[in-house]
N, C-alpha and C. Protein backbone atom coordinates (compact mmCIF):
# COMPACT_ATOMS: atom_id res chain seq x y z
N MET A 1 1.05 -0.80 -0.60
CA MET A 1 -0.03 0.22 -0.04
C MET A 1 0.78 1.30 -0.14
N GLN A 2 1.10 2.40 -0.92
CA GLN A 2 1.86 3.11 -0.93
C GLN A 2 1.15 4.59 -0.52
N LYS A 3 -0.24 4.43 -0.09
CA LYS A 3 -0.80 6.29 -0.12
C LYS A 3 -2.38 5.59 0.84
N ILE A 4 -2.59 6.41 1.37
CA ILE A 4 -3.97 6.26 1.64
C ILE A 4 -5.00 7.16 1.74
N LEU A 5 -5.81 7.18 2.07
CA LEU A 5 -6.97 8.77 2.16
C LEU A 5 -7.81 8.79 3.46
N VAL A 6 -6.97 10.29 4.36
CA VAL A 6 -7.69 9.99 4.94
C VAL A 6 -8.77 11.45 5.86
N LYS A 7 -9.59 11.53 6.89
CA LYS A 7 -10.32 12.27 7.21
C LYS A 7 -9.48 13.14 7.95
N LYS A 8 -9.26 14.75 7.08
CA LYS A 8 -7.94 15.86 7.81
C LYS A 8 -8.67 16.40 9.22
N ALA A 9 -9.82 16.07 9.81
CA ALA A 9 -9.89 16.23 10.84
C ALA A 9 -9.90 15.28 11.93
N ASP A 10 -9.41 13.41 11.84
CA ASP A 10 -8.33 12.77 12.61
C ASP A 10 -7.28 13.19 12.39
N LEU A 11 -6.83 12.98 11.25
CA LEU A 11 -5.22 13.81 11.33
C LEU A 11 -4.79 14.60 11.96
N LEU A 12 -5.73 15.70 11.94
CA LEU A 12 -5.26 16.89 13.11
C LEU A 12 -5.09 16.67 14.04
N ASN A 13 -6.24 15.94 14.67
CA ASN A 13 -6.48 15.44 15.77
C ASN A 13 -5.12 14.84 16.33
N LYS A 14 -5.19 14.08 15.95
CA LYS A 14 -3.62 13.07 15.61
C LYS A 14 -2.39 13.72 16.33
N LEU A 15 -2.27 14.69 15.73
CA LEU A 15 -0.88 15.53 15.15
C LEU A 15 -0.95 16.51 16.23
N GLN A 16 -1.99 17.11 16.50
CA GLN A 16 -2.19 17.36 17.64
C GLN A 16 -1.66 16.97 19.66
N GLU A 17 -2.55 15.46 18.89
CA GLU A 17 -2.34 14.65 20.42
C GLU A 17 -0.72 14.38 20.73
N ASN A 18 -0.03 13.92 19.18
CA ASN A 18 1.91 13.71 19.05
C ASN A 18 2.51 14.96 19.69
N LYS A 19 1.89 15.87 19.34
CA LYS A 19 2.72 17.59 19.32
C LYS A 19 2.70 17.89 21.44
N GLU A 20 1.38 17.93 21.96
CA GLU A 20 1.39 16.99 23.05
C GLU A 20 2.50 16.17 23.87
N LYS A 21 2.35 15.33 23.24
CA LYS A 21 2.83 14.67 24.14
C LYS A 21 4.63 14.74 23.57
N HIS A 22 5.10 15.14 22.78
CA HIS A 22 6.51 15.96 22.60
C HIS A 22 6.56 16.30 23.04
N LYS A 23 5.68 17.76 22.99
CA LYS A 23 6.33 18.93 24.43
C LYS A 23 6.21 18.79 25.79
N LYS A 24 5.42 17.71 25.96
CA LYS A 24 5.81 17.38 27.74
C LYS A 24 7.38 17.02 27.91
N PHE A 25 8.07 15.64 26.97
CA PHE A 25 8.51 14.96 26.64
C PHE A 25 10.11 15.93 26.57
N VAL A 26 9.77 17.20 25.48
CA VAL A 26 10.99 17.65 25.53
C VAL A 26 10.40 18.95 27.03
N GLU A 27 9.58 19.16 27.64
CA GLU A 27 9.96 20.00 28.80
C GLU A 27 10.53 19.28 30.23
N GLU A 28 10.23 18.02 30.00
CA GLU A 28 10.62 16.97 30.90
C GLU A 28 11.98 16.94 31.08
N ALA A 29 12.48 16.88 29.71
CA ALA A 29 14.52 16.52 29.37
C ALA A 29 14.96 17.92 30.25
N LYS A 30 14.53 18.75 29.09
CA LYS A 30 15.03 20.72 29.19
C LYS A 30 15.13 20.24 31.23
N LYS A 31 13.63 19.95 31.96
CA LYS A 31 14.26 20.46 33.36
C LYS A 31 15.53 19.41 34.19
N GLY A 32 15.91 18.09 33.44
CA GLY A 32 16.87 17.51 33.87
C GLY A 32 17.87 18.06 33.53
N TYR A 33 17.62 17.98 32.16
CA TYR A 33 19.29 18.82 31.64
C TYR A 33 19.83 20.29 32.02
N ILE A 34 18.87 20.85 32.68
CA ILE A 34 19.26 22.24 33.57
C ILE A 34 19.41 21.83 35.25
N LEU A 35 19.21 20.71 35.86
CA LEU A 35 19.76 20.38 37.27
C LEU A 35 20.98 20.29 36.38
N LEU A 36 21.00 18.37 36.00
CA LEU A 36 22.55 18.49 35.61
C LEU A 36 23.80 19.37 35.57
N THR A 37 23.67 20.23 34.74
CA THR A 37 24.68 21.80 33.98
C THR A 37 25.11 21.83 35.43
N LYS A 38 23.83 22.12 35.68
CA LYS A 38 24.25 23.00 37.47
C LYS A 38 24.43 22.05 38.58
N LYS A 39 24.65 20.58 38.05
CA LYS A 39 25.16 19.83 39.19
C LYS A 39 26.85 20.03 38.92
N LYS A 40 26.50 20.04 37.36
CA LYS A 40 28.38 19.61 36.74
C LYS A 40 29.21 21.15 37.13
N LEU A 41 28.10 22.22 36.83
CA LEU A 41 28.87 23.43 37.19
C LEU A 41 29.41 23.74 38.40
N GLU A 42 28.30 23.84 39.64
CA GLU A 42 28.74 22.73 41.15
C GLU A 42 29.83 22.26 41.06
N ILE A 43 29.93 21.27 40.97
CA ILE A 43 31.12 20.82 40.81
C ILE A 43 32.26 21.51 40.29
N LEU A 44 32.02 21.69 39.32
CA LEU A 44 33.83 22.56 38.64
C LEU A 44 33.73 23.86 39.61
N LEU A 45 32.84 24.23 39.64
CA LEU A 45 32.96 25.58 41.49
C LEU A 45 33.94 24.90 42.64
N LYS A 46 33.35 23.80 42.94
CA LYS A 46 33.80 23.69 43.75
C LYS A 46 35.53 23.27 43.77
N LYS A 47 35.94 23.02 42.44
CA LYS A 47 36.61 22.53 42.55
C LYS A 47 38.02 23.63 41.90
N VAL A 48 37.75 24.72 40.85
CA VAL A 48 38.31 26.05 40.91
C VAL A 48 38.46 26.35 42.84
N GLU A 49 37.53 26.25 43.30
CA GLU A 49 37.53 26.96 44.97
C GLU A 49 38.75 26.37 45.50
N LYS A 50 38.73 25.17 45.44
CA LYS A 50 40.02 24.21 45.57
C LYS A 50 40.95 24.75 45.20
N ASN A 51 41.19 25.62 44.39
CA ASN A 51 42.23 25.80 43.37
C ASN A 51 42.57 24.28 42.50
N LYS A 52 41.81 23.47 42.28
CA LYS A 52 41.99 22.43 41.22
C LYS A 52 42.16 22.94 39.80
N ILE A 53 42.72 22.16 39.03
CA ILE A 53 42.69 22.78 37.47
C ILE A 53 41.02 21.83 37.50
N VAL A 54 40.00 22.34 36.51
CA VAL A 54 39.34 21.99 36.01
C VAL A 54 38.66 21.40 34.39
N ASN A 55 38.37 20.29 33.93
CA ASN A 55 38.08 20.65 32.52
C ASN A 55 36.74 20.56 32.65
N PHE A 56 36.54 21.36 31.53
CA PHE A 56 35.40 22.10 31.15
C PHE A 56 34.45 21.46 30.43
N ASN A 57 35.47 19.92 29.51
CA ASN A 57 35.55 19.37 28.60
C ASN A 57 33.80 18.43 29.11
N GLU A 58 34.08 18.73 29.90
CA GLU A 58 32.31 17.46 31.05
C GLU A 58 31.74 18.43 30.55
N LEU A 59 31.29 19.31 30.26
CA LEU A 59 30.17 20.53 30.25
C LEU A 59 29.79 19.90 28.37
N TYR A 60 30.96 19.72 27.47
CA TYR A 60 30.27 20.23 26.46
C TYR A 60 30.05 18.60 25.72
N GLY A 61 30.68 17.15 27.00
CA GLY A 61 29.03 16.69 26.53
C GLY A 61 28.23 16.26 26.54
N LEU A 62 27.06 16.92 27.04
CA LEU A 62 26.16 18.07 27.19
C LEU A 62 25.41 18.36 26.37
N ARG A 63 24.59 17.88 25.85
CA ARG A 63 24.21 17.67 24.76
C ARG A 63 22.41 18.59 25.26
N GLN A 64 22.24 19.13 24.26
CA GLN A 64 20.49 20.06 24.91
C GLN A 64 19.99 19.57 24.12
N PRO A 65 18.88 19.04 25.09
CA PRO A 65 17.44 18.39 24.73
C PRO A 65 17.51 18.29 23.57
N MET A 66 16.69 17.74 22.36
CA MET A 66 15.72 18.32 21.25
C MET A 66 14.53 18.62 21.07
N ASP A 67 14.28 19.84 20.84
CA ASP A 67 12.95 20.20 20.25
C ASP A 67 13.21 19.80 18.28
N LYS A 68 11.40 19.20 18.23
CA LYS A 68 10.76 19.33 16.94
C LYS A 68 9.73 20.21 17.03
N THR A 69 8.86 20.46 17.90
CA THR A 69 7.69 20.91 17.64
C THR A 69 7.30 21.83 16.45
N LYS A 70 8.02 23.04 15.88
CA LYS A 70 7.80 22.79 14.99
C LYS A 70 8.30 22.15 13.67
N GLU A 71 8.55 20.75 13.40
CA GLU A 71 8.56 19.57 12.22
C GLU A 71 6.54 19.73 13.48
N TYR A 72 6.20 19.32 14.14
CA TYR A 72 4.03 18.95 14.07
C TYR A 72 3.39 20.77 13.56
N ASP A 73 4.26 21.79 14.42
CA ASP A 73 3.63 23.26 13.82
C ASP A 73 3.49 23.35 11.99
N VAL A 74 4.04 22.74 11.28
CA VAL A 74 4.25 23.39 10.18
C VAL A 74 3.03 22.20 9.60
N ALA A 75 3.50 21.07 9.82
CA ALA A 75 2.38 19.77 9.33
C ALA A 75 1.16 19.75 9.75
N ILE A 76 0.97 21.14 10.93
CA ILE A 76 -0.34 21.15 10.93
C ILE A 76 -1.07 22.50 11.00
N GLU A 77 -0.27 22.98 10.35
CA GLU A 77 -0.78 24.64 10.29
C GLU A 77 -1.17 24.39 8.31
N MET A 78 -0.09 23.29 7.70
CA MET A 78 -0.84 23.20 6.28
C MET A 78 -1.65 22.35 5.85
N LEU A 79 -2.40 20.96 7.08
CA LEU A 79 -3.62 21.17 7.50
C LEU A 79 -4.62 22.17 7.59
N GLN A 80 -4.11 22.39 7.82
CA GLN A 80 -4.98 23.56 8.18
C GLN A 80 -5.78 24.88 7.65
N MET A 81 -4.67 25.09 6.48
CA MET A 81 -4.69 25.80 5.49
C MET A 81 -5.70 25.10 4.43
N ASP A 82 -5.17 23.55 4.52
CA ASP A 82 -6.15 23.01 2.85
C ASP A 82 -7.37 22.64 3.12
N VAL A 83 -7.73 22.78 1.61
CA VAL A 83 -9.42 23.40 1.44
C VAL A 83 -10.22 21.64 1.21
N ASN A 84 -9.28 20.30 1.62
CA ASN A 84 -10.53 19.22 1.50
C ASN A 84 -10.36 18.81 2.75
N ASP A 85 -11.42 17.75 2.40
CA ASP A 85 -11.78 17.19 3.64
C ASP A 85 -11.05 15.93 4.60
N THR A 86 -10.43 15.67 2.72
CA THR A 86 -9.50 14.62 3.25
C THR A 86 -7.86 14.87 2.73
N VAL A 87 -6.83 13.63 2.57
CA VAL A 87 -6.23 14.35 2.61
C VAL A 87 -5.26 12.70 2.05
N GLU A 88 -4.53 12.16 1.48
CA GLU A 88 -3.96 11.68 0.97
C GLU A 88 -2.62 11.28 1.46
N LEU A 89 -1.68 10.17 2.69
CA LEU A 89 -0.94 10.05 2.90
C LEU A 89 0.00 8.97 1.99
N THR A 90 1.11 8.90 2.30
CA THR A 90 1.96 8.69 1.73
C THR A 90 2.70 7.72 2.86
N HIS A 91 3.51 6.55 2.40
CA HIS A 91 3.31 5.93 3.96
C HIS A 91 4.39 6.32 5.31
N GLU A 92 5.50 7.04 4.78
CA GLU A 92 6.55 7.34 5.30
C GLU A 92 5.29 8.99 6.11
N GLU A 93 4.37 9.74 5.90
CA GLU A 93 4.31 10.45 5.88
C GLU A 93 2.73 9.55 6.99
N PHE A 94 2.23 8.93 6.85
CA PHE A 94 1.94 8.41 8.05
C PHE A 94 2.61 7.73 9.52
N LEU A 95 3.87 6.77 8.78
CA LEU A 95 4.47 6.76 9.87
C LEU A 95 4.35 7.95 11.21
N ASN A 96 5.40 8.99 10.35
CA ASN A 96 5.49 10.96 10.44
C ASN A 96 4.49 10.84 11.88
N TYR A 97 2.86 10.90 11.06
CA TYR A 97 2.03 12.24 11.60
C TYR A 97 1.36 11.22 12.41
N VAL A 98 0.85 10.34 11.99
CA VAL A 98 -0.18 8.99 12.58
C VAL A 98 0.82 8.66 13.87
N LYS A 99 2.15 7.21 13.22
CA LYS A 99 2.33 7.13 14.78
C LYS A 99 3.53 7.49 15.07
N ASP A 100 3.62 9.06 14.91
CA ASP A 100 4.80 9.78 15.21
C ASP A 100 6.47 9.07 15.42
N GLN A 101 6.52 8.50 14.00
CA GLN A 101 7.86 8.12 13.81
C GLN A 101 8.47 8.27 12.78
N TRP A 102 9.17 9.76 13.24
CA TRP A 102 10.37 10.63 12.41
C TRP A 102 11.48 9.78 12.07
N ASN A 103 12.18 10.34 11.08
CA ASN A 103 14.03 10.54 10.85
C ASN A 103 14.53 10.64 12.54
N TRP A 104 14.24 12.20 12.69
CA TRP A 104 15.25 12.04 14.37
C TRP A 104 14.22 11.70 15.08
N THR A 105 13.24 10.47 15.42
CA THR A 105 13.15 9.84 17.08
C THR A 105 13.75 9.14 17.09
N ARG A 106 15.30 8.78 16.72
CA ARG A 106 15.85 8.01 17.38
C ARG A 106 17.25 8.65 17.88
N ASP A 107 17.34 9.69 17.23
CA ASP A 107 18.31 10.85 18.43
C ASP A 107 17.43 11.61 19.05
N PHE A 108 16.08 12.47 18.68
CA PHE A 108 16.18 12.95 19.52
C PHE A 108 15.35 11.65 21.11
N LEU A 109 15.27 10.79 20.61
CA LEU A 109 15.31 9.62 22.27
C LEU A 109 15.75 9.62 22.92
N THR A 110 16.98 9.23 21.43
CA THR A 110 18.74 8.52 22.48
C THR A 110 19.06 10.35 23.70
N THR A 111 19.06 11.86 22.40
CA THR A 111 19.32 12.65 23.00
C THR A 111 18.72 12.79 24.69
N ASN A 112 17.12 12.80 24.26
CA ASN A 112 16.27 13.08 25.77
C ASN A 112 16.20 12.14 26.83
N LEU A 113 15.95 10.90 26.10
CA LEU A 113 15.92 10.05 27.85
C LEU A 113 16.44 10.47 28.58
N GLY A 114 18.33 10.41 28.65
CA GLY A 114 19.48 10.74 29.67
C GLY A 114 18.88 11.70 30.06
N TYR A 115 17.72 12.61 30.14
CA TYR A 115 18.00 14.22 30.82
C TYR A 115 16.34 13.70 31.88
N VAL A 116 15.57 13.18 30.98
CA VAL A 116 14.16 12.75 31.17
C VAL A 116 14.37 11.84 33.11
N GLY A 117 13.62 12.53 33.93
CA GLY A 117 13.48 11.94 35.09
C GLY A 117 14.39 12.34 35.97
N ILE A 118 15.85 13.13 35.85
CA ILE A 118 16.55 13.62 37.01
C ILE A 118 15.74 14.67 37.88
N GLY A 119 16.63 14.53 39.08
CA GLY A 119 15.27 15.37 40.29
C GLY A 119 14.36 14.36 40.37
N THR A 120 13.65 13.33 39.85
CA THR A 120 12.26 13.08 40.58
C THR A 120 12.64 11.57 41.58
N SER A 121 14.05 11.54 41.68
CA SER A 121 14.24 10.22 42.79
C SER A 121 13.85 11.07 44.41
N THR A 122 14.20 9.47 44.37
CA THR A 122 13.86 10.26 46.59
C THR A 122 14.95 11.40 47.19
N PRO A 123 14.60 12.61 47.68
CA PRO A 123 15.72 13.31 48.39
C PRO A 123 17.12 12.88 48.34
N SER A 124 17.58 11.30 48.38
CA SER A 124 18.33 11.05 49.45
C SER A 124 18.94 10.01 48.18
N LYS A 125 18.36 10.15 47.22
CA LYS A 125 19.22 9.33 46.01
C LYS A 125 19.47 10.61 45.01
N ASP A 126 18.46 11.76 45.37
CA ASP A 126 18.42 12.58 43.83
C ASP A 126 19.85 13.43 44.19
N LEU A 127 20.14 14.19 43.23
CA LEU A 127 21.41 14.67 42.99
C LEU A 127 21.63 16.27 43.79
N ASP A 128 22.13 16.07 45.12
CA ASP A 128 22.06 16.76 45.47
C ASP A 128 23.53 18.24 45.59
N ALA A 129 23.21 19.32 45.93
CA ALA A 129 24.79 20.43 45.44
C ALA A 129 25.15 19.72 47.20
N ASN A 130 24.49 19.69 48.36
CA ASN A 130 25.97 19.43 49.04
C ASN A 130 26.01 17.88 49.20
N GLU A 131 26.31 17.49 48.49
CA GLU A 131 26.98 15.85 47.89
C GLU A 131 28.47 16.51 47.32
N ASP A 132 28.84 15.14 47.64
CA ASP A 132 30.22 15.51 46.91
C ASP A 132 29.95 14.31 45.75
N LEU A 133 29.61 15.17 44.25
CA LEU A 133 29.85 14.34 43.10
C LEU A 133 30.34 14.06 42.53
N ASP A 134 31.89 14.40 42.41
CA ASP A 134 33.01 14.70 41.51
C ASP A 134 33.26 12.63 40.91
N GLU A 135 32.76 11.62 41.41
CA GLU A 135 33.11 10.34 41.18
C GLU A 135 31.45 10.02 40.20
N LEU A 136 30.60 10.66 39.92
CA LEU A 136 30.22 10.46 38.94
C LEU A 136 30.45 10.96 37.97
N TYR A 137 31.15 11.84 38.02
CA TYR A 137 32.12 12.91 36.24
C TYR A 137 32.68 13.08 36.12
N GLU A 138 34.00 11.57 36.72
CA GLU A 138 35.61 12.04 36.63
C GLU A 138 35.50 10.53 35.28
């Protein structure tokens, strides 16, 4: 099956649903990224205050969380401007818009999953600024 015809309203609903899930996931990843970055900076600052040499390359290893919300926005806007009640989708478009499987999905998950959930564990297990976390990052 190369192409299918779908109801535009159904497709719009699915895209908006996928976009909201995406945005939620990105926000969680951003929170974790910021927390982890702060902790790494605190560790580096403690080392500097002890007159130790620091390796700032530790910060370069942190990839910013990916946010592909604009991809959803473009697809949604195109559909909203389309005058037809139905839309023809290719296999790839179906995977993107309905199944939420894009060519960037693997990179998105690999990057963002590393940050989701940071800061949500119990306080004793959480990354605490008062703990000596050097061993985690060396």
